């Protein structure tokens, strides 16, 4: 079983093409303690597909969104398809999964099988400023933050447990309507 370890600031795996597919069936992606910055274990920054059916993503501390998995299609409008299932474990990260799509119906996250998403934390400290417009979005969604135009489905025997958000959505935060966008959440 292999491992990819970050010893300094930088993404561990980057999918930089909307037509690309990344499959992780085992192994371990993680950061040395003390490594901080805008770091993602898996960064799908132009869309693409990611399937994690085994292995671990742990201990990644992004200062922004989605330490374990960050996905958007801002410049490409390419589809985003993320599946976390099998025996995959995503634990002990700062905001585990973040995704956002510029096109309605173009981003899907499915968490199923016996996957475990646990012990992830969004935000470094509890929210104390309730002034309109000051809630930092990096404090929402300990396990999952679904921003614009995202469909989230949790099924099977998947476990989402022990995650914390220092604002809203310790387990799953679905942003919903934002300037004409729509996100959905389905639990089966």
N, C-alpha and C. Protein backbone atom coordinates (compact mmCIF):
# COMPACT_ATOMS: atom_id res chain seq x y z
N UNK A 1 0.85 -1.18 0.00
CA UNK A 1 0.00 0.00 0.00
C UNK A 1 0.89 1.23 0.00
N UNK A 2 0.66 2.11 -0.95
CA UNK A 2 1.48 3.29 -1.08
C UNK A 2 0.92 4.48 -0.31
N UNK A 3 1.71 5.54 -0.27
CA UNK A 3 1.29 6.76 0.41
C UNK A 3 1.83 7.97 -0.34
N UNK A 4 1.08 9.06 -0.27
CA UNK A 4 1.54 10.35 -0.77
C UNK A 4 1.47 11.30 0.42
N UNK A 5 2.61 11.88 0.78
CA UNK A 5 2.69 12.74 1.95
C UNK A 5 3.17 14.12 1.54
N UNK A 6 2.47 15.16 2.03
CA UNK A 6 2.92 16.53 1.80
C UNK A 6 3.81 16.95 2.96
N UNK A 7 4.99 17.42 2.62
CA UNK A 7 5.90 17.91 3.64
C UNK A 7 5.99 19.43 3.62
N UNK A 8 5.37 20.04 2.59
CA UNK A 8 5.29 21.50 2.50
C UNK A 8 4.00 21.86 1.79
N UNK A 9 3.66 23.15 1.77
CA UNK A 9 2.41 23.62 1.17
C UNK A 9 2.32 23.22 -0.29
N UNK A 10 1.16 22.67 -0.68
CA UNK A 10 0.91 22.29 -2.07
C UNK A 10 -0.08 21.14 -2.13
N UNK A 11 -0.84 21.05 -3.22
CA UNK A 11 -1.80 19.97 -3.39
C UNK A 11 -1.08 18.65 -3.61
N UNK A 12 -1.66 17.57 -3.08
CA UNK A 12 -1.05 16.26 -3.25
C UNK A 12 -1.34 15.69 -4.63
N UNK A 13 -2.60 15.75 -5.09
CA UNK A 13 -2.99 15.25 -6.41
C UNK A 13 -3.87 16.31 -7.06
N UNK A 14 -3.56 16.71 -8.30
CA UNK A 14 -4.34 17.70 -9.03
C UNK A 14 -4.90 17.06 -10.30
N UNK A 15 -6.21 17.19 -10.48
CA UNK A 15 -6.87 16.79 -11.72
C UNK A 15 -7.17 18.10 -12.44
N UNK A 16 -6.42 18.39 -13.49
CA UNK A 16 -6.43 19.70 -14.12
C UNK A 16 -7.08 19.69 -15.50
N UNK A 17 -8.01 18.73 -15.71
CA UNK A 17 -8.68 18.62 -16.99
C UNK A 17 -10.06 18.03 -16.73
N UNK A 18 -11.10 18.71 -17.18
CA UNK A 18 -12.46 18.26 -16.94
C UNK A 18 -12.79 16.89 -17.49
N UNK A 19 -12.01 16.39 -18.42
CA UNK A 19 -12.25 15.06 -19.00
C UNK A 19 -11.48 13.97 -18.25
N UNK A 20 -10.72 14.34 -17.24
CA UNK A 20 -9.87 13.38 -16.52
C UNK A 20 -10.66 12.60 -15.48
N UNK A 21 -10.15 11.39 -15.18
CA UNK A 21 -10.74 10.51 -14.17
C UNK A 21 -9.63 10.08 -13.23
N UNK A 22 -9.88 10.21 -11.91
CA UNK A 22 -8.94 9.76 -10.89
C UNK A 22 -9.62 8.69 -10.06
N UNK A 23 -8.98 7.52 -9.93
CA UNK A 23 -9.49 6.43 -9.09
C UNK A 23 -8.48 6.15 -7.99
N UNK A 24 -8.96 6.11 -6.75
CA UNK A 24 -8.12 5.71 -5.62
C UNK A 24 -8.77 4.49 -5.00
N UNK A 25 -8.04 3.38 -4.98
CA UNK A 25 -8.56 2.12 -4.46
C UNK A 25 -7.91 1.72 -3.15
N UNK A 26 -6.86 2.43 -2.75
CA UNK A 26 -6.17 2.14 -1.51
C UNK A 26 -5.07 3.16 -1.29
N UNK A 27 -4.28 2.96 -0.26
CA UNK A 27 -3.19 3.87 0.02
C UNK A 27 -3.60 4.97 0.99
N UNK A 28 -2.70 5.95 1.15
CA UNK A 28 -2.89 6.97 2.17
C UNK A 28 -2.39 8.31 1.64
N UNK A 29 -3.23 9.32 1.66
CA UNK A 29 -2.85 10.69 1.33
C UNK A 29 -2.92 11.49 2.62
N UNK A 30 -1.81 12.19 2.98
CA UNK A 30 -1.78 12.92 4.24
C UNK A 30 -0.70 13.98 4.23
N UNK A 31 -0.73 14.85 5.24
CA UNK A 31 0.27 15.91 5.40
C UNK A 31 1.03 15.71 6.70
N UNK A 32 2.31 16.09 6.70
CA UNK A 32 3.05 16.16 7.95
C UNK A 32 2.36 17.14 8.88
N UNK A 33 2.44 16.90 10.17
CA UNK A 33 1.88 17.85 11.13
C UNK A 33 2.57 19.19 10.96
N UNK A 34 1.79 20.26 11.03
CA UNK A 34 2.35 21.59 10.92
C UNK A 34 2.37 22.15 9.51
N UNK A 35 2.06 21.31 8.51
CA UNK A 35 2.00 21.80 7.13
C UNK A 35 0.63 22.45 6.94
N UNK A 36 0.61 23.75 6.64
CA UNK A 36 -0.64 24.47 6.47
C UNK A 36 -0.61 25.28 5.19
N UNK A 37 -1.72 25.89 4.87
CA UNK A 37 -1.83 26.70 3.66
C UNK A 37 -3.02 26.23 2.86
N UNK A 38 -3.15 26.69 1.64
CA UNK A 38 -4.25 26.29 0.77
C UNK A 38 -3.90 24.95 0.15
N UNK A 39 -4.09 23.89 0.91
CA UNK A 39 -3.66 22.54 0.54
C UNK A 39 -4.89 21.65 0.37
N UNK A 40 -4.86 20.80 -0.64
CA UNK A 40 -5.93 19.83 -0.87
C UNK A 40 -5.28 18.48 -1.17
N UNK A 41 -5.82 17.41 -0.60
CA UNK A 41 -5.31 16.08 -0.94
C UNK A 41 -5.62 15.80 -2.40
N UNK A 42 -6.87 16.09 -2.82
CA UNK A 42 -7.27 15.92 -4.22
C UNK A 42 -7.93 17.22 -4.66
N UNK A 43 -7.44 17.82 -5.73
CA UNK A 43 -7.96 19.08 -6.23
C UNK A 43 -8.42 18.89 -7.68
N UNK A 44 -9.74 18.91 -7.87
CA UNK A 44 -10.33 18.88 -9.21
C UNK A 44 -10.70 20.32 -9.55
N UNK A 45 -9.75 21.10 -10.00
CA UNK A 45 -9.96 22.54 -10.16
C UNK A 45 -10.57 22.94 -11.50
N UNK A 46 -10.84 21.97 -12.36
CA UNK A 46 -11.50 22.26 -13.64
C UNK A 46 -12.54 21.21 -13.97
N UNK A 47 -13.16 20.66 -12.92
CA UNK A 47 -14.12 19.58 -13.11
C UNK A 47 -13.40 18.24 -13.17
N UNK A 48 -14.11 17.23 -13.61
CA UNK A 48 -13.54 15.89 -13.72
C UNK A 48 -14.24 14.90 -12.82
N UNK A 49 -13.74 13.66 -12.84
CA UNK A 49 -14.33 12.58 -12.07
C UNK A 49 -13.33 12.02 -11.08
N UNK A 50 -13.82 11.71 -9.89
CA UNK A 50 -12.99 11.14 -8.84
C UNK A 50 -13.78 10.04 -8.15
N UNK A 51 -13.19 8.84 -8.07
CA UNK A 51 -13.81 7.71 -7.39
C UNK A 51 -12.82 7.18 -6.36
N UNK A 52 -13.23 7.21 -5.10
CA UNK A 52 -12.41 6.68 -4.01
C UNK A 52 -13.16 5.50 -3.40
N UNK A 53 -12.63 4.28 -3.62
CA UNK A 53 -13.30 3.08 -3.13
C UNK A 53 -12.54 2.42 -1.98
N UNK A 54 -11.42 3.00 -1.61
CA UNK A 54 -10.63 2.47 -0.50
C UNK A 54 -9.52 3.45 -0.16
N UNK A 55 -8.79 3.15 0.87
CA UNK A 55 -7.68 4.02 1.27
C UNK A 55 -8.12 5.10 2.24
N UNK A 56 -7.18 6.01 2.53
CA UNK A 56 -7.37 7.02 3.56
C UNK A 56 -6.92 8.39 3.08
N UNK A 57 -7.67 9.42 3.46
CA UNK A 57 -7.21 10.81 3.35
C UNK A 57 -7.34 11.37 4.76
N UNK A 58 -6.21 11.72 5.37
CA UNK A 58 -6.23 12.17 6.76
C UNK A 58 -5.27 13.33 6.99
N UNK A 59 -5.59 14.13 8.00
CA UNK A 59 -4.67 15.14 8.51
C UNK A 59 -4.31 16.26 7.56
N UNK A 60 -5.20 16.63 6.62
CA UNK A 60 -4.92 17.72 5.69
C UNK A 60 -5.62 18.98 6.20
N UNK A 61 -4.86 20.06 6.37
CA UNK A 61 -5.39 21.28 6.99
C UNK A 61 -5.39 22.45 6.02
N UNK A 62 -6.36 22.49 5.13
CA UNK A 62 -6.47 23.60 4.19
C UNK A 62 -6.93 24.85 4.91
N UNK A 63 -6.39 26.00 4.52
CA UNK A 63 -6.88 27.26 5.05
C UNK A 63 -8.14 27.69 4.32
N UNK A 64 -8.40 27.12 3.17
CA UNK A 64 -9.60 27.42 2.41
C UNK A 64 -10.58 26.28 2.48
N UNK A 65 -11.23 25.99 1.38
CA UNK A 65 -12.25 24.95 1.31
C UNK A 65 -11.65 23.59 0.95
N UNK A 66 -12.26 22.53 1.48
CA UNK A 66 -12.01 21.18 1.01
C UNK A 66 -10.61 20.67 1.14
N UNK A 67 -10.16 20.43 2.36
CA UNK A 67 -8.80 19.93 2.55
C UNK A 67 -8.62 18.55 1.92
N UNK A 68 -9.57 17.66 2.12
CA UNK A 68 -9.45 16.32 1.54
C UNK A 68 -9.74 16.36 0.04
N UNK A 69 -10.89 16.95 -0.33
CA UNK A 69 -11.29 17.01 -1.74
C UNK A 69 -11.87 18.40 -2.02
N UNK A 70 -11.33 19.05 -3.02
CA UNK A 70 -11.85 20.35 -3.46
C UNK A 70 -12.18 20.23 -4.94
N UNK A 71 -13.41 20.60 -5.32
CA UNK A 71 -13.81 20.45 -6.72
C UNK A 71 -14.64 21.64 -7.17
N UNK A 72 -14.28 22.19 -8.32
CA UNK A 72 -15.06 23.24 -8.95
C UNK A 72 -14.83 23.21 -10.45
N UNK A 73 -15.67 23.91 -11.17
CA UNK A 73 -15.53 23.98 -12.62
C UNK A 73 -15.69 25.42 -13.10
N UNK A 74 -15.20 26.34 -12.30
CA UNK A 74 -15.41 27.77 -12.54
C UNK A 74 -15.04 28.22 -13.96
N UNK A 75 -13.94 27.79 -14.47
CA UNK A 75 -13.48 28.26 -15.78
C UNK A 75 -13.86 27.34 -16.94
N UNK A 76 -14.41 26.15 -16.65
CA UNK A 76 -14.64 25.17 -17.70
C UNK A 76 -16.09 24.72 -17.85
N UNK A 77 -16.87 24.81 -16.79
CA UNK A 77 -18.23 24.26 -16.74
C UNK A 77 -18.25 22.76 -17.03
N UNK A 78 -17.12 22.08 -16.89
CA UNK A 78 -17.06 20.63 -17.08
C UNK A 78 -17.79 19.94 -15.93
N UNK A 79 -18.37 18.77 -16.18
CA UNK A 79 -19.05 18.05 -15.11
C UNK A 79 -18.09 17.68 -13.97
N UNK A 80 -18.66 17.61 -12.76
CA UNK A 80 -17.94 17.14 -11.58
C UNK A 80 -18.70 15.92 -11.08
N UNK A 81 -18.01 14.79 -10.96
CA UNK A 81 -18.64 13.57 -10.47
C UNK A 81 -17.70 12.96 -9.43
N UNK A 82 -18.13 12.96 -8.17
CA UNK A 82 -17.31 12.40 -7.08
C UNK A 82 -18.09 11.28 -6.43
N UNK A 83 -17.44 10.11 -6.29
CA UNK A 83 -18.04 8.96 -5.62
C UNK A 83 -17.06 8.50 -4.54
N UNK A 84 -17.55 8.46 -3.31
CA UNK A 84 -16.78 7.95 -2.17
C UNK A 84 -17.55 6.74 -1.68
N UNK A 85 -16.97 5.54 -1.82
CA UNK A 85 -17.68 4.34 -1.40
C UNK A 85 -16.70 3.25 -1.00
N UNK A 86 -17.16 2.01 -1.01
CA UNK A 86 -16.29 0.91 -0.60
C UNK A 86 -15.89 1.08 0.85
N UNK A 87 -14.58 1.02 1.09
CA UNK A 87 -14.06 1.16 2.46
C UNK A 87 -13.25 2.45 2.61
N UNK A 88 -13.52 3.44 1.79
CA UNK A 88 -12.79 4.71 1.85
C UNK A 88 -12.98 5.39 3.20
N UNK A 89 -11.91 6.02 3.70
CA UNK A 89 -11.96 6.75 4.96
C UNK A 89 -11.38 8.15 4.74
N UNK A 90 -12.17 9.17 5.09
CA UNK A 90 -11.73 10.56 5.05
C UNK A 90 -11.92 11.10 6.46
N UNK A 91 -10.81 11.33 7.17
CA UNK A 91 -10.92 11.66 8.60
C UNK A 91 -9.83 12.63 9.04
N UNK A 92 -10.19 13.46 10.02
CA UNK A 92 -9.21 14.34 10.65
C UNK A 92 -8.69 15.45 9.77
N UNK A 93 -9.52 15.93 8.84
CA UNK A 93 -9.13 17.01 7.93
C UNK A 93 -9.85 18.30 8.30
N UNK A 94 -9.42 19.41 7.71
CA UNK A 94 -10.10 20.68 7.89
C UNK A 94 -11.05 20.87 6.70
N UNK A 95 -12.36 20.74 6.94
CA UNK A 95 -13.40 20.72 5.92
C UNK A 95 -13.06 19.64 4.88
N UNK A 96 -13.66 18.49 5.03
CA UNK A 96 -13.30 17.34 4.22
C UNK A 96 -13.54 17.53 2.72
N UNK A 97 -14.79 17.77 2.32
CA UNK A 97 -15.14 17.83 0.89
C UNK A 97 -15.85 19.15 0.60
N UNK A 98 -15.36 19.88 -0.40
CA UNK A 98 -16.01 21.11 -0.86
C UNK A 98 -16.18 21.01 -2.36
N UNK A 99 -17.37 21.41 -2.85
CA UNK A 99 -17.59 21.42 -4.28
C UNK A 99 -18.53 22.55 -4.67
N UNK A 100 -18.33 23.06 -5.89
CA UNK A 100 -19.13 24.15 -6.41
C UNK A 100 -19.15 24.05 -7.94
N UNK A 101 -20.31 24.32 -8.53
CA UNK A 101 -20.44 24.25 -9.98
C UNK A 101 -21.07 25.52 -10.52
N UNK A 102 -20.59 25.96 -11.65
CA UNK A 102 -21.15 27.14 -12.30
C UNK A 102 -22.38 26.80 -13.14
N UNK A 103 -22.63 25.50 -13.38
CA UNK A 103 -23.73 25.07 -14.24
C UNK A 103 -24.67 24.17 -13.46
N UNK A 104 -25.96 24.45 -13.50
CA UNK A 104 -26.95 23.67 -12.78
C UNK A 104 -26.94 22.21 -13.23
N UNK A 105 -27.03 21.30 -12.25
CA UNK A 105 -27.09 19.87 -12.54
C UNK A 105 -25.79 19.28 -13.03
N UNK A 106 -24.69 19.98 -12.83
CA UNK A 106 -23.42 19.56 -13.39
C UNK A 106 -22.43 19.05 -12.35
N UNK A 107 -22.86 18.93 -11.07
CA UNK A 107 -21.94 18.47 -10.03
C UNK A 107 -22.67 17.50 -9.11
N UNK A 108 -22.08 16.31 -8.92
CA UNK A 108 -22.71 15.29 -8.09
C UNK A 108 -21.68 14.67 -7.15
N UNK A 109 -22.09 14.49 -5.91
CA UNK A 109 -21.30 13.80 -4.89
C UNK A 109 -22.16 12.67 -4.36
N UNK A 110 -21.63 11.44 -4.42
CA UNK A 110 -22.32 10.28 -3.86
C UNK A 110 -21.41 9.64 -2.83
N UNK A 111 -21.94 9.48 -1.62
CA UNK A 111 -21.21 8.82 -0.54
C UNK A 111 -22.00 7.57 -0.20
N UNK A 112 -21.36 6.39 -0.34
CA UNK A 112 -22.09 5.15 -0.13
C UNK A 112 -21.18 4.03 0.32
N UNK A 113 -21.66 2.81 0.11
CA UNK A 113 -20.90 1.64 0.54
C UNK A 113 -20.69 1.67 2.04
N UNK A 114 -19.47 1.36 2.46
CA UNK A 114 -19.09 1.42 3.88
C UNK A 114 -18.13 2.56 4.14
N UNK A 115 -18.19 3.59 3.31
CA UNK A 115 -17.29 4.73 3.46
C UNK A 115 -17.50 5.41 4.81
N UNK A 116 -16.43 5.99 5.34
CA UNK A 116 -16.48 6.70 6.61
C UNK A 116 -15.89 8.09 6.41
N UNK A 117 -16.67 9.10 6.80
CA UNK A 117 -16.20 10.48 6.80
C UNK A 117 -16.40 10.97 8.23
N UNK A 118 -15.31 11.09 8.98
CA UNK A 118 -15.43 11.34 10.42
C UNK A 118 -14.31 12.23 10.94
N UNK A 119 -14.63 12.97 12.00
CA UNK A 119 -13.62 13.74 12.72
C UNK A 119 -13.04 14.90 11.95
N UNK A 120 -13.75 15.43 10.96
CA UNK A 120 -13.28 16.58 10.20
C UNK A 120 -13.86 17.85 10.82
N UNK A 121 -13.13 18.97 10.69
CA UNK A 121 -13.55 20.23 11.32
C UNK A 121 -13.50 21.37 10.31
N UNK A 122 -14.59 22.15 10.24
CA UNK A 122 -14.61 23.34 9.39
C UNK A 122 -14.41 24.57 10.26
N UNK A 123 -13.39 25.34 9.96
CA UNK A 123 -13.10 26.55 10.72
C UNK A 123 -12.17 26.28 11.88
N UNK A 124 -11.37 27.28 12.20
CA UNK A 124 -10.37 27.11 13.26
C UNK A 124 -10.90 27.47 14.64
N UNK A 125 -11.96 28.27 14.71
CA UNK A 125 -12.51 28.67 16.00
C UNK A 125 -14.00 28.91 15.84
N UNK A 126 -14.75 28.83 16.94
CA UNK A 126 -16.19 29.02 16.85
C UNK A 126 -16.57 30.40 16.31
N UNK A 127 -17.69 30.46 15.60
CA UNK A 127 -18.21 31.69 15.05
C UNK A 127 -18.65 32.60 16.19
N UNK A 128 -18.14 33.82 16.23
CA UNK A 128 -18.52 34.76 17.28
C UNK A 128 -19.08 36.06 16.73
N UNK A 129 -18.84 36.38 15.47
CA UNK A 129 -19.30 37.63 14.87
C UNK A 129 -20.53 37.35 14.02
N UNK A 130 -21.70 37.85 14.44
CA UNK A 130 -22.94 37.61 13.72
C UNK A 130 -23.35 38.78 12.83
N UNK A 131 -22.44 39.71 12.58
CA UNK A 131 -22.71 40.83 11.70
C UNK A 131 -23.00 40.31 10.30
N UNK A 132 -24.08 40.83 9.67
CA UNK A 132 -24.46 40.37 8.34
C UNK A 132 -23.27 40.46 7.37
N UNK A 133 -23.03 39.38 6.64
CA UNK A 133 -21.96 39.34 5.65
C UNK A 133 -20.60 38.94 6.18
N UNK A 134 -20.49 38.62 7.47
CA UNK A 134 -19.17 38.30 8.02
C UNK A 134 -18.95 36.81 8.26
N UNK A 135 -19.99 35.99 8.07
CA UNK A 135 -19.81 34.56 8.32
C UNK A 135 -18.90 33.98 7.25
N UNK A 136 -17.77 33.51 7.68
CA UNK A 136 -16.79 32.96 6.74
C UNK A 136 -17.27 31.59 6.28
N UNK A 137 -17.36 31.39 4.98
CA UNK A 137 -17.85 30.12 4.46
C UNK A 137 -16.91 28.96 4.79
N UNK A 138 -15.67 29.24 5.11
CA UNK A 138 -14.75 28.16 5.46
C UNK A 138 -15.08 27.57 6.83
N UNK A 139 -16.08 28.10 7.51
CA UNK A 139 -16.49 27.58 8.82
C UNK A 139 -17.70 26.67 8.70
N UNK A 140 -18.23 26.46 7.49
CA UNK A 140 -19.41 25.63 7.26
C UNK A 140 -19.01 24.26 6.73
N UNK A 141 -19.81 23.24 7.07
CA UNK A 141 -19.66 21.92 6.48
C UNK A 141 -18.42 21.16 6.88
N UNK A 142 -18.43 20.57 8.05
CA UNK A 142 -17.27 19.80 8.51
C UNK A 142 -16.93 18.62 7.61
N UNK A 143 -17.94 17.85 7.22
CA UNK A 143 -17.71 16.70 6.33
C UNK A 143 -17.89 17.09 4.87
N UNK A 144 -19.00 17.77 4.56
CA UNK A 144 -19.32 18.13 3.17
C UNK A 144 -19.84 19.55 3.12
N UNK A 145 -19.30 20.35 2.22
CA UNK A 145 -19.83 21.68 1.91
C UNK A 145 -20.19 21.68 0.43
N UNK A 146 -21.49 21.66 0.14
CA UNK A 146 -21.97 21.71 -1.25
C UNK A 146 -22.39 23.14 -1.53
N UNK A 147 -21.63 23.84 -2.34
CA UNK A 147 -21.91 25.23 -2.66
C UNK A 147 -22.91 25.29 -3.79
N UNK A 148 -22.63 25.97 -4.84
CA UNK A 148 -23.58 26.21 -5.93
C UNK A 148 -23.81 24.97 -6.80
N UNK A 149 -25.10 24.71 -7.13
CA UNK A 149 -25.48 23.72 -8.15
C UNK A 149 -24.95 22.32 -7.91
N UNK A 150 -24.98 21.85 -6.67
CA UNK A 150 -24.44 20.53 -6.35
C UNK A 150 -25.53 19.59 -5.87
N UNK A 151 -25.44 18.33 -6.28
CA UNK A 151 -26.34 17.29 -5.80
C UNK A 151 -25.55 16.35 -4.91
N UNK A 152 -26.01 16.17 -3.68
CA UNK A 152 -25.33 15.31 -2.71
C UNK A 152 -26.26 14.16 -2.36
N UNK A 153 -25.73 12.92 -2.47
CA UNK A 153 -26.50 11.73 -2.12
C UNK A 153 -25.68 10.90 -1.15
N UNK A 154 -26.32 10.50 -0.04
CA UNK A 154 -25.70 9.59 0.92
C UNK A 154 -26.55 8.34 0.95
N UNK A 155 -25.90 7.18 0.76
CA UNK A 155 -26.65 5.94 0.62
C UNK A 155 -25.88 4.77 1.24
N UNK A 156 -26.49 3.59 1.24
CA UNK A 156 -25.82 2.39 1.73
C UNK A 156 -25.55 2.47 3.22
N UNK A 157 -24.40 1.96 3.62
CA UNK A 157 -24.00 1.93 5.03
C UNK A 157 -22.95 2.99 5.33
N UNK A 158 -22.89 4.02 4.53
CA UNK A 158 -21.91 5.08 4.74
C UNK A 158 -22.11 5.73 6.11
N UNK A 159 -21.00 6.13 6.72
CA UNK A 159 -21.03 6.77 8.03
C UNK A 159 -20.46 8.17 7.91
N UNK A 160 -21.25 9.16 8.33
CA UNK A 160 -20.79 10.54 8.45
C UNK A 160 -21.00 10.89 9.91
N UNK A 161 -19.90 10.95 10.68
CA UNK A 161 -20.04 11.05 12.13
C UNK A 161 -18.90 11.84 12.75
N UNK A 162 -19.21 12.55 13.83
CA UNK A 162 -18.17 13.21 14.61
C UNK A 162 -17.49 14.37 13.90
N UNK A 163 -18.14 14.94 12.89
CA UNK A 163 -17.60 16.09 12.18
C UNK A 163 -18.12 17.36 12.85
N UNK A 164 -17.36 18.45 12.74
CA UNK A 164 -17.71 19.69 13.42
C UNK A 164 -17.58 20.86 12.47
N UNK A 165 -18.54 21.80 12.57
CA UNK A 165 -18.42 23.07 11.86
C UNK A 165 -18.49 24.18 12.90
N UNK A 166 -17.61 25.14 12.80
CA UNK A 166 -17.64 26.25 13.73
C UNK A 166 -18.65 27.31 13.32
N UNK A 167 -19.48 27.00 12.33
CA UNK A 167 -20.65 27.82 11.97
C UNK A 167 -21.80 26.85 11.74
N UNK A 168 -22.11 26.50 10.50
CA UNK A 168 -23.28 25.66 10.20
C UNK A 168 -22.88 24.35 9.52
N UNK A 169 -23.68 23.30 9.75
CA UNK A 169 -23.52 22.04 9.03
C UNK A 169 -22.33 21.22 9.43
N UNK A 170 -22.32 20.72 10.64
CA UNK A 170 -21.20 19.88 11.09
C UNK A 170 -20.99 18.68 10.19
N UNK A 171 -22.07 18.00 9.83
CA UNK A 171 -21.97 16.87 8.93
C UNK A 171 -21.99 17.30 7.48
N UNK A 172 -23.13 17.85 7.05
CA UNK A 172 -23.29 18.27 5.65
C UNK A 172 -23.90 19.67 5.63
N UNK A 173 -23.29 20.55 4.85
CA UNK A 173 -23.83 21.89 4.64
C UNK A 173 -24.16 22.03 3.16
N UNK A 174 -25.44 22.18 2.84
CA UNK A 174 -25.88 22.38 1.47
C UNK A 174 -26.31 23.83 1.35
N UNK A 175 -25.57 24.60 0.56
CA UNK A 175 -25.80 26.04 0.49
C UNK A 175 -27.17 26.40 -0.04
N UNK A 176 -27.71 25.66 -0.97
CA UNK A 176 -29.05 25.94 -1.47
C UNK A 176 -29.08 27.06 -2.48
N UNK A 177 -30.07 27.91 -2.35
CA UNK A 177 -30.27 28.99 -3.33
C UNK A 177 -29.28 30.12 -3.10
N UNK A 178 -28.54 30.46 -4.13
CA UNK A 178 -27.61 31.57 -4.08
C UNK A 178 -27.58 32.19 -5.46
N UNK A 179 -28.18 33.33 -5.60
CA UNK A 179 -28.19 34.05 -6.87
C UNK A 179 -28.62 33.14 -8.03
N UNK A 180 -29.75 32.44 -7.85
CA UNK A 180 -30.29 31.63 -8.93
C UNK A 180 -29.71 30.23 -9.02
N UNK A 181 -28.96 29.77 -8.03
CA UNK A 181 -28.40 28.42 -8.06
C UNK A 181 -29.20 27.51 -7.15
N UNK A 182 -29.03 26.22 -7.29
CA UNK A 182 -29.76 25.25 -6.48
C UNK A 182 -28.86 24.07 -6.17
N UNK A 183 -28.83 23.68 -4.90
CA UNK A 183 -28.15 22.48 -4.48
C UNK A 183 -29.16 21.58 -3.79
N UNK A 184 -28.98 20.26 -3.88
CA UNK A 184 -29.90 19.33 -3.26
C UNK A 184 -29.13 18.31 -2.42
N UNK A 185 -29.85 17.69 -1.48
CA UNK A 185 -29.27 16.69 -0.62
C UNK A 185 -30.27 15.54 -0.52
N UNK A 186 -29.83 14.31 -0.80
CA UNK A 186 -30.70 13.14 -0.72
C UNK A 186 -30.05 12.12 0.19
N UNK A 187 -30.80 11.68 1.20
CA UNK A 187 -30.33 10.62 2.10
C UNK A 187 -31.19 9.41 1.85
N UNK A 188 -30.56 8.27 1.50
CA UNK A 188 -31.33 7.03 1.28
C UNK A 188 -30.82 5.91 2.14
